[in-house]
Amino acid sequence: MVSITQYNLDKIEQLLLDLGYKVRYEKGNFKTGACVIQNTKVIVVNKFSNLEIKINSLIQLLREFEVTKDMLDEKQWTFYKTLTKKD
């Protein structure tokens, strides 16, 4: 399990960016989720969620995406595997 820090949230955001997703923080009464808007991969995160919810929601989304080793460099792949392994 990854520790709940702003640093790790930033690393997860960069990983998603490397996978072609844009992470946006918006206010509203909704849960974090992923959607495709005009063929653009956009993840909308509730900006009022606490750090733990943001990180756990993004990790849950990562587990749903089909990611292959050739999509990431070695360091990012290792981080991805750490995030998505089942506890």
PDB file of N, CA and C in Angstrom:
ATOM      1  N   MET A   1       0.841  -1.185   0.000  1.00  0.00           N
ATOM      2  CA  MET A   1       0.000   0.000   0.000  1.00  0.00           C
ATOM      3  C   MET A   1       0.880   1.240   0.000  1.00  0.00           C
ATOM      4  N   VAL A   2       0.534   2.184  -0.818  1.00  0.00           N
ATOM      5  CA  VAL A   2       1.293   3.424  -0.929  1.00  0.00           C
ATOM      6  C   VAL A   2       0.889   4.360   0.211  1.00  0.00           C
ATOM      7  N   SER A   3       1.869   5.111   0.727  1.00  0.00           N
ATOM      8  CA  SER A   3       1.550   6.032   1.822  1.00  0.00           C
ATOM      9  C   SER A   3       0.773   7.234   1.275  1.00  0.00           C
ATOM     10  N   ILE A   4      -0.034   7.812   2.128  1.00  0.00           N
ATOM     11  CA  ILE A   4      -0.925   8.900   1.745  1.00  0.00           C
ATOM     12  C   ILE A   4      -0.172  10.226   1.902  1.00  0.00           C
ATOM     13  N   THR A   5       0.486  10.654   0.830  1.00  0.00           N
ATOM     14  CA  THR A   5       1.228  11.914   0.844  1.00  0.00           C
ATOM     15  C   THR A   5       0.963  12.660  -0.458  1.00  0.00           C
ATOM     16  N   GLN A   6       1.157  13.963  -0.416  1.00  0.00           N
ATOM     17  CA  GLN A   6       1.002  14.770  -1.626  1.00  0.00           C
ATOM     18  C   GLN A   6       2.009  14.317  -2.687  1.00  0.00           C
ATOM     19  N   TYR A   7       3.208  13.933  -2.239  1.00  0.00           N
ATOM     20  CA  TYR A   7       4.235  13.445  -3.163  1.00  0.00           C
ATOM     21  C   TYR A   7       3.733  12.243  -3.957  1.00  0.00           C
ATOM     22  N   ASN A   8       3.117  11.277  -3.282  1.00  0.00           N
ATOM     23  CA  ASN A   8       2.598  10.098  -3.978  1.00  0.00           C
ATOM     24  C   ASN A   8       1.428  10.453  -4.887  1.00  0.00           C
ATOM     25  N   LEU A   9       0.584  11.398  -4.480  1.00  0.00           N
ATOM     26  CA  LEU A   9      -0.490  11.845  -5.359  1.00  0.00           C
ATOM     27  C   LEU A   9       0.101  12.444  -6.634  1.00  0.00           C
ATOM     28  N   ASP A  10       1.142  13.245  -6.480  1.00  0.00           N
ATOM     29  CA  ASP A  10       1.808  13.838  -7.650  1.00  0.00           C
ATOM     30  C   ASP A  10       2.385  12.756  -8.562  1.00  0.00           C
ATOM     31  N   LYS A  11       2.975  11.708  -7.966  1.00  0.00           N
ATOM     32  CA  LYS A  11       3.532  10.604  -8.762  1.00  0.00           C
ATOM     33  C   LYS A  11       2.431   9.850  -9.509  1.00  0.00           C
ATOM     34  N   ILE A  12       1.291   9.651  -8.869  1.00  0.00           N
ATOM     35  CA  ILE A  12       0.168   8.971  -9.518  1.00  0.00           C
ATOM     36  C   ILE A  12      -0.367   9.827 -10.665  1.00  0.00           C
ATOM     37  N   GLU A  13      -0.466  11.131 -10.433  1.00  0.00           N
ATOM     38  CA  GLU A  13      -0.919  12.031 -11.499  1.00  0.00           C
ATOM     39  C   GLU A  13       0.034  11.971 -12.694  1.00  0.00           C
ATOM     40  N   GLN A  14       1.337  11.938 -12.435  1.00  0.00           N
ATOM     41  CA  GLN A  14       2.316  11.862 -13.522  1.00  0.00           C
ATOM     42  C   GLN A  14       2.197  10.528 -14.264  1.00  0.00           C
ATOM     43  N   LEU A  15       1.975   9.458 -13.532  1.00  0.00           N
ATOM     44  CA  LEU A  15       1.786   8.144 -14.145  1.00  0.00           C
ATOM     45  C   LEU A  15       0.577   8.168 -15.082  1.00  0.00           C
ATOM     46  N   LEU A  16      -0.515   8.743 -14.618  1.00  0.00           N
ATOM     47  CA  LEU A  16      -1.714   8.847 -15.454  1.00  0.00           C
ATOM     48  C   LEU A  16      -1.462   9.728 -16.675  1.00  0.00           C
ATOM     49  N   LEU A  17      -0.706  10.798 -16.491  1.00  0.00           N
ATOM     50  CA  LEU A  17      -0.355  11.669 -17.610  1.00  0.00           C
ATOM     51  C   LEU A  17       0.461  10.895 -18.647  1.00  0.00           C
ATOM     52  N   ASP A  18       1.404  10.085 -18.172  1.00  0.00           N
ATOM     53  CA  ASP A  18       2.216   9.262 -19.067  1.00  0.00           C
ATOM     54  C   ASP A  18       1.373   8.238 -19.819  1.00  0.00           C
ATOM     55  N   LEU A  19       0.248   7.840 -19.229  1.00  0.00           N
ATOM     56  CA  LEU A  19      -0.661   6.895 -19.878  1.00  0.00           C
ATOM     57  C   LEU A  19      -1.672   7.602 -20.795  1.00  0.00           C
ATOM     58  N   GLY A  20      -1.575   8.923 -20.868  1.00  0.00           N
ATOM     59  CA  GLY A  20      -2.440   9.672 -21.769  1.00  0.00           C
ATOM     60  C   GLY A  20      -3.677  10.259 -21.133  1.00  0.00           C
ATOM     61  N   TYR A  21      -3.771  10.215 -19.816  1.00  0.00           N
ATOM     62  CA  TYR A  21      -4.934  10.757 -19.114  1.00  0.00           C
ATOM     63  C   TYR A  21      -4.623  12.142 -18.565  1.00  0.00           C
ATOM     64  N   LYS A  22      -5.605  12.998 -18.611  1.00  0.00           N
ATOM     65  CA  LYS A  22      -5.500  14.311 -17.985  1.00  0.00           C
ATOM     66  C   LYS A  22      -6.312  14.257 -16.696  1.00  0.00           C
ATOM     67  N   VAL A  23      -5.717  14.700 -15.598  1.00  0.00           N
ATOM     68  CA  VAL A  23      -6.407  14.714 -14.304  1.00  0.00           C
ATOM     69  C   VAL A  23      -6.837  16.150 -14.023  1.00  0.00           C
ATOM     70  N   ARG A  24      -8.133  16.313 -13.799  1.00  0.00           N
ATOM     71  CA  ARG A  24      -8.675  17.629 -13.471  1.00  0.00           C
ATOM     72  C   ARG A  24      -9.337  17.577 -12.110  1.00  0.00           C
ATOM     73  N   TYR A  25      -9.198  18.658 -11.361  1.00  0.00           N
ATOM     74  CA  TYR A  25      -9.840  18.782 -10.055  1.00  0.00           C
ATOM     75  C   TYR A  25     -10.969  19.794 -10.173  1.00  0.00           C
ATOM     76  N   GLU A  26     -12.178  19.331  -9.917  1.00  0.00           N
ATOM     77  CA  GLU A  26     -13.363  20.179 -10.042  1.00  0.00           C
ATOM     78  C   GLU A  26     -14.174  20.092  -8.758  1.00  0.00           C
ATOM     79  N   LYS A  27     -14.903  21.162  -8.472  1.00  0.00           N
ATOM     80  CA  LYS A  27     -15.769  21.128  -7.304  1.00  0.00           C
ATOM     81  C   LYS A  27     -17.147  20.642  -7.717  1.00  0.00           C
ATOM     82  N   GLY A  28     -17.793  19.966  -6.798  1.00  0.00           N
ATOM     83  CA  GLY A  28     -19.122  19.461  -7.085  1.00  0.00           C
ATOM     84  C   GLY A  28     -19.468  18.319  -6.151  1.00  0.00           C
ATOM     85  N   ASN A  29     -20.695  17.890  -6.227  1.00  0.00           N
ATOM     86  CA  ASN A  29     -21.178  16.812  -5.378  1.00  0.00           C
ATOM     87  C   ASN A  29     -21.143  15.513  -6.182  1.00  0.00           C
ATOM     88  N   PHE A  30     -19.951  14.970  -6.373  1.00  0.00           N
ATOM     89  CA  PHE A  30     -19.777  13.747  -7.156  1.00  0.00           C
ATOM     90  C   PHE A  30     -18.579  12.970  -6.643  1.00  0.00           C
ATOM     91  N   LYS A  31     -18.522  11.714  -7.028  1.00  0.00           N
ATOM     92  CA  LYS A  31     -17.387  10.878  -6.676  1.00  0.00           C
ATOM     93  C   LYS A  31     -16.365  10.963  -7.802  1.00  0.00           C
ATOM     94  N   THR A  32     -15.103  10.699  -7.468  1.00  0.00           N
ATOM     95  CA  THR A  32     -14.045  10.675  -8.468  1.00  0.00           C
ATOM     96  C   THR A  32     -14.353   9.599  -9.492  1.00  0.00           C
ATOM     97  N   GLY A  33     -14.056   9.893 -10.748  1.00  0.00           N
ATOM     98  CA  GLY A  33     -14.296   8.907 -11.791  1.00  0.00           C
ATOM     99  C   GLY A  33     -13.519   9.237 -13.040  1.00  0.00           C
ATOM    100  N   ALA A  34     -13.580   8.361 -14.019  1.00  0.00           N
ATOM    101  CA  ALA A  34     -12.914   8.585 -15.297  1.00  0.00           C
ATOM    102  C   ALA A  34     -13.960   8.621 -16.388  1.00  0.00           C
ATOM    103  N   CYS A  35     -13.723   9.467 -17.347  1.00  0.00           N
ATOM    104  CA  CYS A  35     -14.626   9.523 -18.473  1.00  0.00           C
ATOM    105  C   CYS A  35     -13.849   9.911 -19.721  1.00  0.00           C
ATOM    106  N   VAL A  36     -14.438   9.659 -20.875  1.00  0.00           N
ATOM    107  CA  VAL A  36     -13.831  10.046 -22.136  1.00  0.00           C
ATOM    108  C   VAL A  36     -14.676  11.171 -22.720  1.00  0.00           C
ATOM    109  N   ILE A  37     -14.039  12.308 -22.939  1.00  0.00           N
ATOM    110  CA  ILE A  37     -14.730  13.458 -23.504  1.00  0.00           C
ATOM    111  C   ILE A  37     -14.136  13.727 -24.883  1.00  0.00           C
ATOM    112  N   GLN A  38     -14.912  13.537 -25.915  1.00  0.00           N
ATOM    113  CA  GLN A  38     -14.476  13.741 -27.293  1.00  0.00           C
ATOM    114  C   GLN A  38     -13.127  13.071 -27.553  1.00  0.00           C
ATOM    115  N   ASN A  39     -13.055  11.793 -27.257  1.00  0.00           N
ATOM    116  CA  ASN A  39     -11.865  10.972 -27.473  1.00  0.00           C
ATOM    117  C   ASN A  39     -10.643  11.418 -26.670  1.00  0.00           C
ATOM    118  N   THR A  40     -10.856  12.225 -25.644  1.00  0.00           N
ATOM    119  CA  THR A  40      -9.762  12.638 -24.768  1.00  0.00           C
ATOM    120  C   THR A  40      -9.944  11.941 -23.430  1.00  0.00           C
ATOM    121  N   LYS A  41      -8.890  11.342 -22.921  1.00  0.00           N
ATOM    122  CA  LYS A  41      -8.963  10.652 -21.638  1.00  0.00           C
ATOM    123  C   LYS A  41      -8.840  11.670 -20.520  1.00  0.00           C
ATOM    124  N   VAL A  42      -9.930  11.877 -19.799  1.00  0.00           N
ATOM    125  CA  VAL A  42      -9.967  12.854 -18.719  1.00  0.00           C
ATOM    126  C   VAL A  42     -10.462  12.177 -17.451  1.00  0.00           C
ATOM    127  N   ILE A  43      -9.755  12.397 -16.363  1.00  0.00           N
ATOM    128  CA  ILE A  43     -10.184  11.917 -15.052  1.00  0.00           C
ATOM    129  C   ILE A  43     -10.568  13.145 -14.244  1.00  0.00           C
ATOM    130  N   VAL A  44     -11.786  13.147 -13.752  1.00  0.00           N
ATOM    131  CA  VAL A  44     -12.262  14.271 -12.951  1.00  0.00           C
ATOM    132  C   VAL A  44     -12.271  13.837 -11.494  1.00  0.00           C
ATOM    133  N   VAL A  45     -11.595  14.610 -10.675  1.00  0.00           N
ATOM    134  CA  VAL A  45     -11.470  14.324  -9.247  1.00  0.00           C
ATOM    135  C   VAL A  45     -12.173  15.436  -8.475  1.00  0.00           C
ATOM    136  N   ASN A  46     -12.951  15.054  -7.471  1.00  0.00           N
ATOM    137  CA  ASN A  46     -13.599  16.041  -6.619  1.00  0.00           C
ATOM    138  C   ASN A  46     -12.527  16.756  -5.804  1.00  0.00           C
ATOM    139  N   LYS A  47     -12.389  18.057  -6.027  1.00  0.00           N
ATOM    140  CA  LYS A  47     -11.326  18.813  -5.359  1.00  0.00           C
ATOM    141  C   LYS A  47     -11.524  18.897  -3.854  1.00  0.00           C
ATOM    142  N   PHE A  48     -12.743  18.612  -3.369  1.00  0.00           N
ATOM    143  CA  PHE A  48     -13.007  18.669  -1.933  1.00  0.00           C
ATOM    144  C   PHE A  48     -12.769  17.336  -1.220  1.00  0.00           C
ATOM    145  N   SER A  49     -12.453  16.299  -1.975  1.00  0.00           N
ATOM    146  CA  SER A  49     -12.109  15.012  -1.350  1.00  0.00           C
ATOM    147  C   SER A  49     -10.792  15.158  -0.606  1.00  0.00           C
ATOM    148  N   ASN A  50     -10.641  14.377   0.472  1.00  0.00           N
ATOM    149  CA  ASN A  50      -9.372  14.445   1.186  1.00  0.00           C
ATOM    150  C   ASN A  50      -8.299  13.671   0.417  1.00  0.00           C
ATOM    151  N   LEU A  51      -7.064  13.829   0.837  1.00  0.00           N
ATOM    152  CA  LEU A  51      -5.920  13.251   0.130  1.00  0.00           C
ATOM    153  C   LEU A  51      -6.042  11.734  -0.006  1.00  0.00           C
ATOM    154  N   GLU A  52      -6.478  11.064   1.047  1.00  0.00           N
ATOM    155  CA  GLU A  52      -6.613   9.609   1.009  1.00  0.00           C
ATOM    156  C   GLU A  52      -7.644   9.167  -0.036  1.00  0.00           C
ATOM    157  N   ILE A  53      -8.764   9.844  -0.085  1.00  0.00           N
ATOM    158  CA  ILE A  53      -9.799   9.490  -1.061  1.00  0.00           C
ATOM    159  C   ILE A  53      -9.295   9.742  -2.484  1.00  0.00           C
ATOM    160  N   LYS A  54      -8.601  10.856  -2.703  1.00  0.00           N
ATOM    161  CA  LYS A  54      -8.055  11.154  -4.031  1.00  0.00           C
ATOM    162  C   LYS A  54      -7.111  10.047  -4.481  1.00  0.00           C
ATOM    163  N   ILE A  55      -6.174   9.677  -3.608  1.00  0.00           N
ATOM    164  CA  ILE A  55      -5.182   8.651  -3.957  1.00  0.00           C
ATOM    165  C   ILE A  55      -5.859   7.306  -4.185  1.00  0.00           C
ATOM    166  N   ASN A  56      -6.721   6.892  -3.262  1.00  0.00           N
ATOM    167  CA  ASN A  56      -7.373   5.589  -3.398  1.00  0.00           C
ATOM    168  C   ASN A  56      -8.274   5.529  -4.627  1.00  0.00           C
ATOM    169  N   SER A  57      -8.943   6.629  -4.952  1.00  0.00           N
ATOM    170  CA  SER A  57      -9.804   6.662  -6.134  1.00  0.00           C
ATOM    171  C   SER A  57      -8.978   6.529  -7.407  1.00  0.00           C
ATOM    172  N   LEU A  58      -7.853   7.225  -7.473  1.00  0.00           N
ATOM    173  CA  LEU A  58      -6.999   7.149  -8.662  1.00  0.00           C
ATOM    174  C   LEU A  58      -6.380   5.758  -8.806  1.00  0.00           C
ATOM    175  N   ILE A  59      -5.997   5.149  -7.688  1.00  0.00           N
ATOM    176  CA  ILE A  59      -5.460   3.787  -7.740  1.00  0.00           C
ATOM    177  C   ILE A  59      -6.531   2.823  -8.230  1.00  0.00           C
ATOM    178  N   GLN A  60      -7.758   2.974  -7.746  1.00  0.00           N
ATOM    179  CA  GLN A  60      -8.850   2.110  -8.189  1.00  0.00           C
ATOM    180  C   GLN A  60      -9.068   2.241  -9.695  1.00  0.00           C
ATOM    181  N   LEU A  61      -9.003   3.452 -10.200  1.00  0.00           N
ATOM    182  CA  LEU A  61      -9.139   3.661 -11.642  1.00  0.00           C
ATOM    183  C   LEU A  61      -7.990   2.999 -12.402  1.00  0.00           C
ATOM    184  N   LEU A  62      -6.778   3.137 -11.887  1.00  0.00           N
ATOM    185  CA  LEU A  62      -5.619   2.503 -12.531  1.00  0.00           C
ATOM    186  C   LEU A  62      -5.812   1.002 -12.652  1.00  0.00           C
ATOM    187  N   ARG A  63      -6.422   0.386 -11.641  1.00  0.00           N
ATOM    188  CA  ARG A  63      -6.653  -1.060 -11.664  1.00  0.00           C
ATOM    189  C   ARG A  63      -7.625  -1.461 -12.766  1.00  0.00           C
ATOM    190  N   GLU A  64      -8.468  -0.522 -13.207  1.00  0.00           N
ATOM    191  CA  GLU A  64      -9.452  -0.816 -14.247  1.00  0.00           C
ATOM    192  C   GLU A  64      -8.898  -0.610 -15.655  1.00  0.00           C
ATOM    193  N   PHE A  65      -7.811   0.153 -15.780  1.00  0.00           N
ATOM    194  CA  PHE A  65      -7.239   0.430 -17.093  1.00  0.00           C
ATOM    195  C   PHE A  65      -6.390  -0.740 -17.564  1.00  0.00           C
ATOM    196  N   GLU A  66      -6.328  -0.917 -18.864  1.00  0.00           N
ATOM    197  CA  GLU A  66      -5.440  -1.932 -19.440  1.00  0.00           C
ATOM    198  C   GLU A  66      -4.100  -1.274 -19.722  1.00  0.00           C
ATOM    199  N   VAL A  67      -3.118  -1.609 -18.895  1.00  0.00           N
ATOM    200  CA  VAL A  67      -1.785  -1.019 -19.013  1.00  0.00           C
ATOM    201  C   VAL A  67      -0.790  -2.131 -19.287  1.00  0.00           C
ATOM    202  N   THR A  68       0.057  -1.920 -20.275  1.00  0.00           N
ATOM    203  CA  THR A  68       1.102  -2.892 -20.588  1.00  0.00           C
ATOM    204  C   THR A  68       2.469  -2.277 -20.302  1.00  0.00           C
ATOM    205  N   LYS A  69       3.444  -3.142 -20.138  1.00  0.00           N
ATOM    206  CA  LYS A  69       4.785  -2.700 -19.759  1.00  0.00           C
ATOM    207  C   LYS A  69       5.392  -1.741 -20.775  1.00  0.00           C
ATOM    208  N   ASP A  70       5.067  -1.925 -22.054  1.00  0.00           N
ATOM    209  CA  ASP A  70       5.656  -1.056 -23.084  1.00  0.00           C
ATOM    210  C   ASP A  70       5.076   0.357 -23.080  1.00  0.00           C
ATOM    211  N   MET A  71       4.052   0.612 -22.282  1.00  0.00           N
ATOM    212  CA  MET A  71       3.450   1.945 -22.208  1.00  0.00           C
ATOM    213  C   MET A  71       4.198   2.874 -21.251  1.00  0.00           C
ATOM    214  N   LEU A  72       5.063   2.296 -20.395  1.00  0.00           N
ATOM    215  CA  LEU A  72       5.741   3.063 -19.353  1.00  0.00           C
ATOM    216  C   LEU A  72       7.228   2.740 -19.334  1.00  0.00           C
ATOM    217  N   ASP A  73       8.017   3.667 -18.767  1.00  0.00           N
ATOM    218  CA  ASP A  73       9.423   3.336 -18.560  1.00  0.00           C
ATOM    219  C   ASP A  73       9.535   2.410 -17.341  1.00  0.00           C
ATOM    220  N   GLU A  74      10.709   1.895 -17.110  1.00  0.00           N
ATOM    221  CA  GLU A  74      10.903   0.880 -16.063  1.00  0.00           C
ATOM    222  C   GLU A  74      10.497   1.384 -14.671  1.00  0.00           C
ATOM    223  N   LYS A  75      10.869   2.626 -14.359  1.00  0.00           N
ATOM    224  CA  LYS A  75      10.563   3.195 -13.047  1.00  0.00           C
ATOM    225  C   LYS A  75       9.049   3.367 -12.866  1.00  0.00           C
ATOM    226  N   GLN A  76       8.367   3.872 -13.901  1.00  0.00           N
ATOM    227  CA  GLN A  76       6.925   4.046 -13.836  1.00  0.00           C
ATOM    228  C   GLN A  76       6.216   2.696 -13.770  1.00  0.00           C
ATOM    229  N   TRP A  77       6.712   1.702 -14.518  1.00  0.00           N
ATOM    230  CA  TRP A  77       6.111   0.366 -14.506  1.00  0.00           C
ATOM    231  C   TRP A  77       6.184  -0.238 -13.101  1.00  0.00           C
ATOM    232  N   THR A  78       7.335  -0.095 -12.462  1.00  0.00           N
ATOM    233  CA  THR A  78       7.514  -0.614 -11.101  1.00  0.00           C
ATOM    234  C   THR A  78       6.534   0.069 -10.149  1.00  0.00           C
ATOM    235  N   PHE A  79       6.386   1.377 -10.265  1.00  0.00           N
ATOM    236  CA  PHE A  79       5.445   2.126  -9.425  1.00  0.00           C
ATOM    237  C   PHE A  79       4.009   1.677  -9.712  1.00  0.00           C
ATOM    238  N   TYR A  80       3.675   1.507 -10.979  1.00  0.00           N
ATOM    239  CA  TYR A  80       2.341   1.044 -11.367  1.00  0.00           C
ATOM    240  C   TYR A  80       2.042  -0.319 -10.748  1.00  0.00           C
ATOM    241  N   LYS A  81       2.997  -1.250 -10.824  1.00  0.00           N
ATOM    242  CA  LYS A  81       2.796  -2.587 -10.258  1.00  0.00           C
ATOM    243  C   LYS A  81       2.612  -2.505  -8.743  1.00  0.00           C
ATOM    244  N   THR A  82       3.324  -1.602  -8.088  1.00  0.00           N
ATOM    245  CA  THR A  82       3.175  -1.408  -6.644  1.00  0.00           C
ATOM    246  C   THR A  82       1.762  -0.906  -6.313  1.00  0.00           C
ATOM    247  N   LEU A  83       1.272  -0.002  -7.131  1.00  0.00           N
ATOM    248  CA  LEU A  83      -0.054   0.574  -6.886  1.00  0.00           C
ATOM    249  C   LEU A  83      -1.190  -0.424  -7.137  1.00  0.00           C
ATOM    250  N   THR A  84      -1.031  -1.272  -8.126  1.00  0.00           N
ATOM    251  CA  THR A  84      -2.154  -2.098  -8.568  1.00  0.00           C
ATOM    252  C   THR A  84      -2.143  -3.515  -8.039  1.00  0.00           C
ATOM    253  N   LYS A  85      -1.113  -3.883  -7.272  1.00  0.00           N
ATOM    254  CA  LYS A  85      -1.132  -5.246  -6.719  1.00  0.00           C
ATOM    255  C   LYS A  85      -2.255  -5.368  -5.716  1.00  0.00           C
ATOM    256  N   LYS A  86      -2.859  -6.521  -5.703  1.00  0.00           N
ATOM    257  CA  LYS A  86      -3.973  -6.772  -4.773  1.00  0.00           C
ATOM    258  C   LYS A  86      -3.432  -7.064  -3.385  1.00  0.00           C
ATOM    259  N   ASP A  87      -4.048  -6.449  -2.381  1.00  0.00           N
ATOM    260  CA  ASP A  87      -3.593  -6.656  -0.983  1.00  0.00           C
ATOM    261  C   ASP A  87      -4.068  -7.986  -0.441  1.00  0.00           C
TER     262      ASP A  87
END
